[in-house]
Protein backbone atom coordinates (compact mmCIF):
# COMPACT_ATOMS: atom_id res chain seq x y z
CA MET A 1 0.13 -0.16 0.19
CA GLY A 2 2.91 2.28 -0.21
CA GLY A 3 5.68 3.59 2.27
CA THR A 4 4.69 5.08 5.36
CA ARG A 5 2.93 8.43 5.81
CA GLU A 6 3.54 10.41 8.56
CA VAL A 7 1.22 12.10 10.43
CA VAL A 8 1.55 14.42 13.00
CA VAL A 9 -1.62 15.96 15.08
CA VAL A 10 -1.23 19.29 17.07
CA ALA A 11 -1.80 19.20 20.87
CA TYR A 12 -1.89 21.97 23.12
CA ASP A 13 -3.38 23.34 26.65
CA GLY A 14 -7.39 23.32 26.25
CA VAL A 15 -7.68 21.61 23.04
CA ARG A 16 -10.71 19.17 22.91
CA LEU A 17 -9.64 15.43 23.34
CA LEU A 18 -11.98 13.94 21.03
CA ASP A 19 -10.61 16.42 18.19
CA VAL A 20 -7.11 14.72 18.83
CA THR A 21 -8.37 10.87 19.65
CA GLY A 22 -10.31 10.92 16.63
CA PRO A 23 -8.18 11.04 13.97
CA VAL A 24 -5.49 9.30 15.69
CA GLU A 25 -7.77 6.17 16.13
CA VAL A 26 -8.68 5.83 12.79
CA PHE A 27 -5.15 6.05 11.67
CA THR A 28 -4.20 3.66 13.97
CA VAL A 29 -6.85 0.89 13.23
CA ALA A 30 -5.62 1.70 9.59
CA ASP A 31 -2.72 0.84 9.90
CA GLU A 32 -4.03 -2.65 11.74
CA HIS A 33 -5.72 -3.47 8.64
CA GLY A 34 -2.79 -2.89 6.22
CA ALA A 35 -1.84 0.69 6.11
CA ASP A 36 1.63 1.87 7.23
CA TYR A 37 0.89 5.63 9.20
CA ARG A 38 3.67 7.12 11.87
CA VAL A 39 1.33 9.01 13.81
CA ARG A 40 3.12 11.35 16.26
CA ILE A 41 1.24 13.70 18.75
CA ALA A 42 3.48 17.17 18.76
CA SER A 43 2.73 19.84 21.73
CA PRO A 44 4.61 23.09 22.62
CA GLY A 45 7.76 21.61 24.58
CA GLY A 46 6.73 18.61 23.86
CA ALA A 47 5.21 18.53 27.44
CA ASP A 48 1.82 17.02 28.38
CA VAL A 49 -1.14 19.12 27.67
CA ARG A 50 -4.43 19.35 29.99
CA THR A 51 -7.49 19.04 26.97
CA SER A 52 -10.60 20.75 27.63
CA SER A 53 -12.19 17.91 29.40
CA GLY A 54 -9.49 18.07 32.47
CA VAL A 55 -7.58 15.12 30.96
CA ARG A 56 -4.21 15.01 30.32
CA LEU A 57 -2.72 14.11 27.23
CA GLY A 58 1.23 12.58 26.67
CA ALA A 59 3.03 14.13 23.46
CA ASP A 60 5.38 12.56 21.58
CA VAL A 61 7.44 15.39 20.23
CA ALA A 62 8.22 19.16 20.52
CA LEU A 63 6.28 21.11 17.96
CA ALA A 64 9.82 22.90 17.28
CA ASP A 65 11.61 19.59 16.81
CA VAL A 66 8.96 18.41 13.99
CA ALA A 67 10.77 18.35 10.54
CA PRO A 68 8.62 19.85 7.72
CA GLY A 69 7.42 17.29 5.15
CA MET A 70 5.07 14.80 6.85
CA HIS A 71 2.31 13.55 4.82
CA VAL A 72 -0.73 15.26 6.86
CA LEU A 73 -0.77 17.88 9.66
CA VAL A 74 -4.08 17.88 11.94
CA VAL A 75 -4.69 20.50 13.80
CA PRO A 76 -7.25 19.87 16.28
CA GLY A 77 -9.99 22.74 17.75
CA ALA A 78 -10.65 24.25 21.42
CA PRO A 79 -13.54 25.50 22.91
CA ASP A 80 -11.46 28.73 23.57
CA VAL A 81 -11.02 30.06 20.16
CA ALA A 82 -9.96 33.22 20.81
CA ALA A 83 -6.83 31.76 23.45
CA SER A 84 -5.88 29.78 20.66
CA GLU A 85 -5.69 32.57 18.37
CA ARG A 86 -3.80 34.25 20.88
CA ASN A 87 -1.15 31.66 20.92
CA THR A 88 1.34 33.14 18.46
CA ALA A 89 4.09 30.52 19.22
CA LEU A 90 1.61 27.73 18.08
CA LEU A 91 0.32 29.73 14.92
CA ALA A 92 4.24 29.86 13.87
CA GLU A 93 4.63 26.25 14.36
CA VAL A 94 1.60 25.54 12.23
CA ARG A 95 2.62 28.11 9.61
CA ARG A 96 6.00 26.17 9.34
CA LEU A 97 4.57 22.83 9.48
CA SER A 98 2.11 23.21 7.12
CA ALA A 99 4.59 24.83 4.77
CA GLY A 100 5.66 21.58 3.69
CA ALA A 101 3.00 19.44 4.72
CA GLY A 102 1.46 16.92 1.76
CA SER A 103 -1.84 18.26 3.75
CA THR A 104 -3.12 20.15 6.06
CA ALA A 105 -6.38 19.03 8.08
CA SER A 106 -8.31 21.31 10.77
CA VAL A 107 -10.95 19.82 13.00
CA CYS A 108 -13.74 21.95 14.01
CA ALA A 109 -12.60 24.93 16.24
CA GLY A 110 -9.13 24.14 14.49
CA ALA A 111 -10.07 26.11 11.67
CA PHE A 112 -9.58 29.60 13.42
CA VAL A 113 -6.24 28.02 14.19
CA LEU A 114 -5.34 27.95 10.85
CA ALA A 115 -7.13 31.13 10.26
CA ALA A 116 -5.29 32.87 12.28
CA ALA A 117 -2.44 31.64 10.86
CA GLY A 118 -3.03 33.06 7.29
CA LEU A 119 -3.75 29.56 5.98
CA LEU A 120 -7.13 29.71 4.84
CA ASP A 121 -7.31 33.01 3.09
CA GLY A 122 -8.75 32.68 -0.11
CA CYS A 123 -10.01 29.13 0.78
CA ARG A 124 -13.31 27.21 0.78
CA ALA A 125 -13.39 26.12 5.09
CA ALA A 126 -15.41 23.90 6.97
CA THR A 127 -16.55 24.63 10.86
CA HIS A 128 -18.63 23.53 13.67
CA TRP A 129 -22.08 24.84 12.50
CA ASP A 130 -22.16 26.88 15.32
CA LEU A 131 -18.87 28.64 14.64
CA ALA A 132 -19.09 29.04 10.81
CA GLU A 133 -21.01 32.89 11.44
CA GLN A 134 -18.07 33.57 13.83
CA LEU A 135 -15.33 32.53 11.34
CA ALA A 136 -17.00 34.12 8.51
CA ASP A 137 -17.31 37.41 10.67
CA ARG A 138 -13.42 37.53 11.72
CA TYR A 139 -12.10 36.25 8.88
CA PRO A 140 -13.34 37.52 5.56
CA LYS A 141 -10.77 36.35 3.25
CA ILE A 142 -12.72 32.72 3.96
CA ASP A 143 -15.13 31.24 1.73
CA VAL A 144 -17.03 29.83 4.95
CA ASP A 145 -19.19 26.70 4.29
CA PRO A 146 -21.58 26.31 6.99
CA GLU A 147 -22.84 22.43 6.22
CA SER A 148 -20.96 20.57 4.98
CA ILE A 149 -18.90 17.75 7.05
CA PHE A 150 -15.38 18.51 5.55
CA VAL A 151 -14.08 20.27 2.68
CA ARG A 152 -10.86 20.38 0.51
CA ASP A 153 -9.52 23.34 -0.87
CA GLY A 154 -6.10 22.49 -2.46
CA ALA A 155 -4.20 21.24 0.50
CA ILE A 156 -6.11 22.14 3.23
CA VAL A 157 -8.79 19.96 4.43
CA THR A 158 -11.40 21.33 7.03
CA SER A 159 -13.98 19.59 9.28
CA ALA A 160 -17.06 20.23 10.79
CA GLY A 161 -17.60 19.78 14.41
CA VAL A 162 -15.52 17.39 16.53
CA THR A 163 -17.28 13.65 15.50
CA SER A 164 -16.48 14.99 11.83
CA GLY A 165 -12.31 14.84 12.65
CA ILE A 166 -13.13 11.09 12.39
CA ASP A 167 -15.22 10.96 8.76
CA LEU A 168 -12.27 13.54 7.45
CA ALA A 169 -9.35 10.76 8.57
CA LEU A 170 -11.55 8.68 7.35
CA GLY A 171 -11.57 10.04 3.90
CA LEU A 172 -7.76 10.56 4.07
CA VAL A 173 -7.32 7.22 4.65
CA GLU A 174 -9.28 6.54 1.35
CA GLU A 175 -7.48 8.75 -0.51
CA ASP A 176 -4.42 7.12 0.40
CA HIS A 177 -5.51 3.65 0.13
CA GLY A 178 -9.12 3.41 -1.48
CA PRO A 179 -12.66 3.18 -0.48
CA GLU A 180 -12.39 -0.48 0.65
CA LEU A 181 -10.24 -0.01 3.78
CA ALA A 182 -11.73 3.07 4.86
CA ARG A 183 -15.32 1.38 4.85
CA LEU A 184 -13.34 -1.55 7.30
CA VAL A 185 -11.75 0.87 9.47
CA ALA A 186 -15.26 2.53 9.89
CA LYS A 187 -17.10 -0.91 10.19
CA HIS A 188 -14.23 -1.54 13.01
CA LEU A 189 -14.89 1.60 14.95
CA VAL A 190 -18.81 0.83 14.74
CA VAL A 191 -19.53 4.37 13.05
CA PHE A 192 -21.48 5.32 10.32
CA LEU A 193 -19.67 4.42 7.05
CA GLN A 194 -17.72 7.44 5.89
CA ARG A 195 -20.06 10.74 5.59
CA PRO A 196 -19.29 12.30 2.40
CA GLY A 197 -17.33 15.43 2.61
CA GLY A 198 -20.37 17.37 0.59
CA GLN A 199 -22.99 15.76 3.25
CA SER A 200 -25.05 18.20 5.50
CA GLN A 201 -24.27 18.92 9.44
CA TYR A 202 -27.71 19.70 10.08
CA SER A 203 -30.13 16.00 10.13
CA VAL A 204 -34.36 17.44 9.43
CA ARG A 205 -34.53 17.96 13.08
CA LEU A 206 -32.12 20.66 13.29
CA ARG A 207 -33.09 22.35 10.28
CA GLY A 208 -36.35 22.32 12.00
CA GLY A 209 -35.64 24.09 15.42
CA GLY A 210 -34.18 22.50 18.35
CA ARG A 211 -36.65 23.17 20.90
CA HIS A 212 -40.37 22.10 20.53
CA SER A 213 -43.76 22.00 22.82
CA GLU A 214 -44.39 18.76 23.81
CA VAL A 215 -47.27 18.50 21.26
CA LEU A 216 -45.04 18.83 18.36
CA ARG A 217 -42.45 16.89 19.52
CA PRO A 218 -43.78 13.26 19.03
CA VAL A 219 -44.96 14.61 15.57
CA LEU A 220 -41.79 15.56 14.46
CA ASP A 221 -39.93 12.48 15.86
CA GLY A 222 -42.31 9.99 14.43
CA VAL A 223 -41.73 11.47 10.71
CA VAL A 224 -38.13 11.32 11.47
CA LEU A 225 -38.44 7.38 13.09
CA ASP A 226 -40.90 6.14 10.49
CA PRO A 227 -40.59 8.24 7.08
CA ALA A 228 -42.67 5.27 5.46
CA GLY A 229 -45.68 5.79 7.83
CA ASP A 230 -48.76 7.72 7.00
CA HIS A 231 -47.62 11.65 7.49
CA SER A 232 -50.70 13.33 5.79
CA LEU A 233 -51.69 16.39 7.48
CA ALA A 234 -54.79 14.56 8.91
CA ALA A 235 -53.35 11.38 10.07
CA MET A 236 -50.33 14.01 12.11
CA ALA A 237 -53.22 15.98 13.15
CA GLY A 238 -55.38 12.89 14.44
CA ARG A 239 -51.82 12.01 16.48
CA ALA A 240 -51.18 15.33 18.01
CA MET A 241 -54.81 15.53 18.65
CA LEU A 242 -54.93 18.96 17.21
CA SER A 243 -56.56 20.17 13.95
CA VAL A 244 -55.26 20.18 10.51
CA ARG A 245 -55.30 24.43 10.78
CA GLN A 246 -53.71 24.22 14.39
CA LEU A 247 -51.26 21.77 13.17
CA THR A 248 -50.02 23.80 10.27
CA ARG A 249 -49.93 27.09 12.33
CA LEU A 250 -47.83 25.08 15.29
CA PHE A 251 -45.76 23.78 12.56
CA ARG A 252 -44.64 26.76 10.61
CA ASP A 253 -44.54 28.70 14.48
CA GLU A 254 -42.22 26.30 15.86
CA THR A 255 -40.22 24.93 12.64
CA GLY A 256 -40.15 27.85 10.33
CA MET A 257 -41.76 25.04 7.86
CA SER A 258 -45.05 23.47 6.53
CA PRO A 259 -45.73 20.09 7.31
CA ALA A 260 -45.22 18.77 3.84
CA ASN A 261 -41.93 20.60 3.73
CA TYR A 262 -41.18 18.67 7.06
CA VAL A 263 -42.19 15.35 5.77
CA GLU A 264 -40.29 15.68 2.35
CA LEU A 265 -37.03 16.52 4.12
CA ALA A 266 -36.94 13.91 6.48
CA ARG A 267 -38.10 11.02 3.38
CA VAL A 268 -35.03 12.92 1.50
CA GLU A 269 -32.64 12.58 4.28
CA ALA A 270 -33.59 8.63 4.92
CA ALA A 271 -33.16 8.04 1.12
CA GLN A 272 -29.86 9.39 1.04
CA ASN A 273 -28.78 7.42 3.97
CA LEU A 274 -30.09 4.29 2.34
CA LEU A 275 -28.11 5.52 -0.80
CA GLU A 276 -25.00 6.06 0.65
CA THR A 277 -24.96 2.78 2.39
CA GLY A 278 -26.76 0.20 0.65
CA ASP A 279 -27.05 -1.61 -2.83
CA GLU A 280 -30.92 -1.64 -2.73
CA PRO A 281 -32.77 -0.91 -6.44
CA LEU A 282 -34.32 2.71 -6.41
CA ASP A 283 -37.63 1.05 -6.29
CA VAL A 284 -36.88 -0.22 -2.90
CA VAL A 285 -35.29 2.50 -1.49
CA ALA A 286 -37.98 4.76 -2.76
CA ARG A 287 -40.72 2.69 -0.66
CA ARG A 288 -38.66 2.24 2.57
CA ALA A 289 -37.92 6.35 2.50
CA GLY A 290 -41.87 6.52 2.10
CA PHE A 291 -41.72 8.43 -1.74
CA GLY A 292 -44.09 5.34 -2.92
CA SER A 293 -41.98 5.47 -6.27
CA PRO A 294 -39.01 6.12 -7.66
CA GLU A 295 -40.06 9.28 -9.51
CA THR A 296 -41.80 10.66 -6.68
CA MET A 297 -38.49 10.22 -4.75
CA ARG A 298 -36.75 11.71 -7.88
CA ARG A 299 -38.48 14.93 -8.09
CA ALA A 300 -37.81 15.03 -4.78
CA PHE A 301 -34.19 14.86 -4.93
CA LEU A 302 -33.92 17.56 -7.92
CA ARG A 303 -36.15 19.79 -5.71
CA ARG A 304 -33.98 19.26 -2.78
CA LEU A 305 -30.46 18.72 -3.69
CA GLY A 306 -30.41 19.42 -7.29
CA MET A 307 -29.68 16.16 -8.85
CA PRO A 308 -31.14 12.40 -9.04
CA PRO A 309 -31.12 9.50 -6.39
CA ALA A 310 -29.18 7.52 -9.04
CA ALA A 311 -26.41 10.66 -9.15
CA TYR A 312 -26.48 11.08 -5.54
CA ARG A 313 -25.64 7.54 -5.13
CA GLY A 314 -22.59 7.69 -7.86
CA ARG A 315 -21.44 10.59 -6.41
CA PHE A 316 -21.64 10.35 -2.28
CA ARG A 317 -21.49 6.29 -2.03
CA THR A 318 -18.46 6.44 -0.42
CA SER A 319 -16.22 9.94 0.53
CA GLY A 320 -14.67 10.62 -2.26
CA ALA A 321 -16.41 14.26 -2.44
CA LEU A 322 -13.26 14.97 -0.18
CA ARG A 323 -11.32 14.58 -3.44
CA GLU A 324 -13.84 16.52 -5.35
CA GLY A 325 -13.65 19.32 -2.80
CA ARG A 326 -17.53 19.97 -3.08
CA THR A 327 -20.25 21.30 -0.98
CA ALA A 328 -23.22 19.97 -0.08
CA PRO A 329 -26.06 20.82 -3.02
């Protein structure tokens, strides 16, 4: 599978633990299945660091002692974004090492470290959905993608919130060793078969807002849990013990969308998951996702995603979207 690929993961006081350990586990498990990554954790001065959770994390090497030219430089994020932006010694080392790295990758708020180091100017970049507006406001030269799980722009790869560092690392493994190994690693880690880079961070439940009344919440959850069920206006109103007019008003007040739009989004999301992770014929996918027919599903995909289901499956069946550097439709 090729020679040894060096991966250097930057650690510093206040770093989020999973931002570090998630990618490290992916590369480690890849090694257990035939890859050859050499993963090292590098910190300022080579000292142990205290993560944001309070867990101490040991370092293998001092950042200053790392020679440029590694395969991948991974820069995790920290909840205290401002503190990492002010860490001039850290920024200088990241800037130095990135110059010679094959790829420089950030996890979650690590995008702010890359931005403060001047590495994202003119680039398209992702970060946690809750930080996207802040990143765009502070660094107007960056084209911030608020939705994608991860984005590649040249040698720079940026990912969304926390666990998306696992998706990013799986995408890098796929780049190096192909989709079969990446899928094997995902299966071993018991995570979803790699979410494509262009897949949205948001589920339909997040798009519909996070806090709902006790009346509406069971209706919303019922649609997501059973997209193929009867979710006509009359059926949902009956389950909520409301009139159709009352239900429609409640949907708009609490989710900002109509009941029909919510149901269609939930069914599209269900179909996306089936297309990404399985090989069932389109008519089976359409039935399981609640569309009834492939044609109805096709029209919904064109409306919501700008592509038919077959094209979606071809593009997003693996995490190859990282190579294309594309955003969600």
